[in-house]
């Protein structure tokens, strides 16, 4: 799956959330609805999240330095992780607190038509933002389900915007139910219950985002389809006869590191091996354009050593790394 920053989706979400946040705070001022206050803070937090995603995308474009030789591509993962923290702390926890407070001290809504009108406007605006995110995501996800796309996407921005917009739409429905029941029954407790449900929803979404971006921060390998392309491009059937083992790591959404031990003929000269490695690197970059850093180590393939299986202790993070002569 190719990576994309989804800038159009981020900008659409930012514009929608700023307009929605302003309208919700106005509705809260006129009605005193805690659902409106929680939703206003939610939209304000979402706007801050989009700013963070844009900042992360900008910082990730910096050139590599001697201190950071692999560049700054992971800045996008870091800022996406910050988004999950902001959504949890500001959006979710505030809504839970406000909901509990309103349930403990309910009061009748005033000018109920303000929150209802704003919520209808917000549903339309969020629907536009969500539609933009879906359109951009569909260009990348192929045959993957939405859950698989969110789990496997290497660029964090689109999954973040998708989950935020999806959560916002559900939150708006909950707010409408809370306000509607409060108006219909004359009991402000329902407004507090709607607010509490919004807070729980935001916390759950934040936890999902945190788990996915944590995996990206730790370092994820390329997808199976990308690995297959790399293996096919590496082997030429002449000098390079196979891939003994390979490791891949995303340095950023659009930057891939490849380290592989390749099998060569035992009677090849050093010049032939060097030319074969250069040719293999060119084929890999043509097949997988995001392959930015490639290290290929030639070795003589041994069926006896290969039959022993992979040496777990020789892998990164193993107890005692040592050579395994294949």
Foldseek 3Di string as FASTA:
>chain_A
DAADLLLVLLVLLLVLLVVLLVLLVVLCVQWVQLLSVLLSQLSVLSNVLSVLLVVLVVQQPDDADPVRNQGRQCSNLVSLLVSLVSLQPRRQVVLQVSLVVCLVPPAAIGPLVSLVVSLVVSLVSLVVSLVSLVVVLCVPQPPDDPVVCCQQQQRNNSNSSNLSSVLSNVLSVLQCQLSVVCVVVVIRNSSSVSSNVSSVSSNVSSVVSNVRSVVSVVWDFDDPVLVVQLFVLLDPCAFFNGWLDKTKTDPHSLAIEIETETAGDPPDDPVRVVVSRVSSVVSSCVSRVSHDHYHYHYAHDDPVLVVVPDDQLCDPPHDHHDDRHD
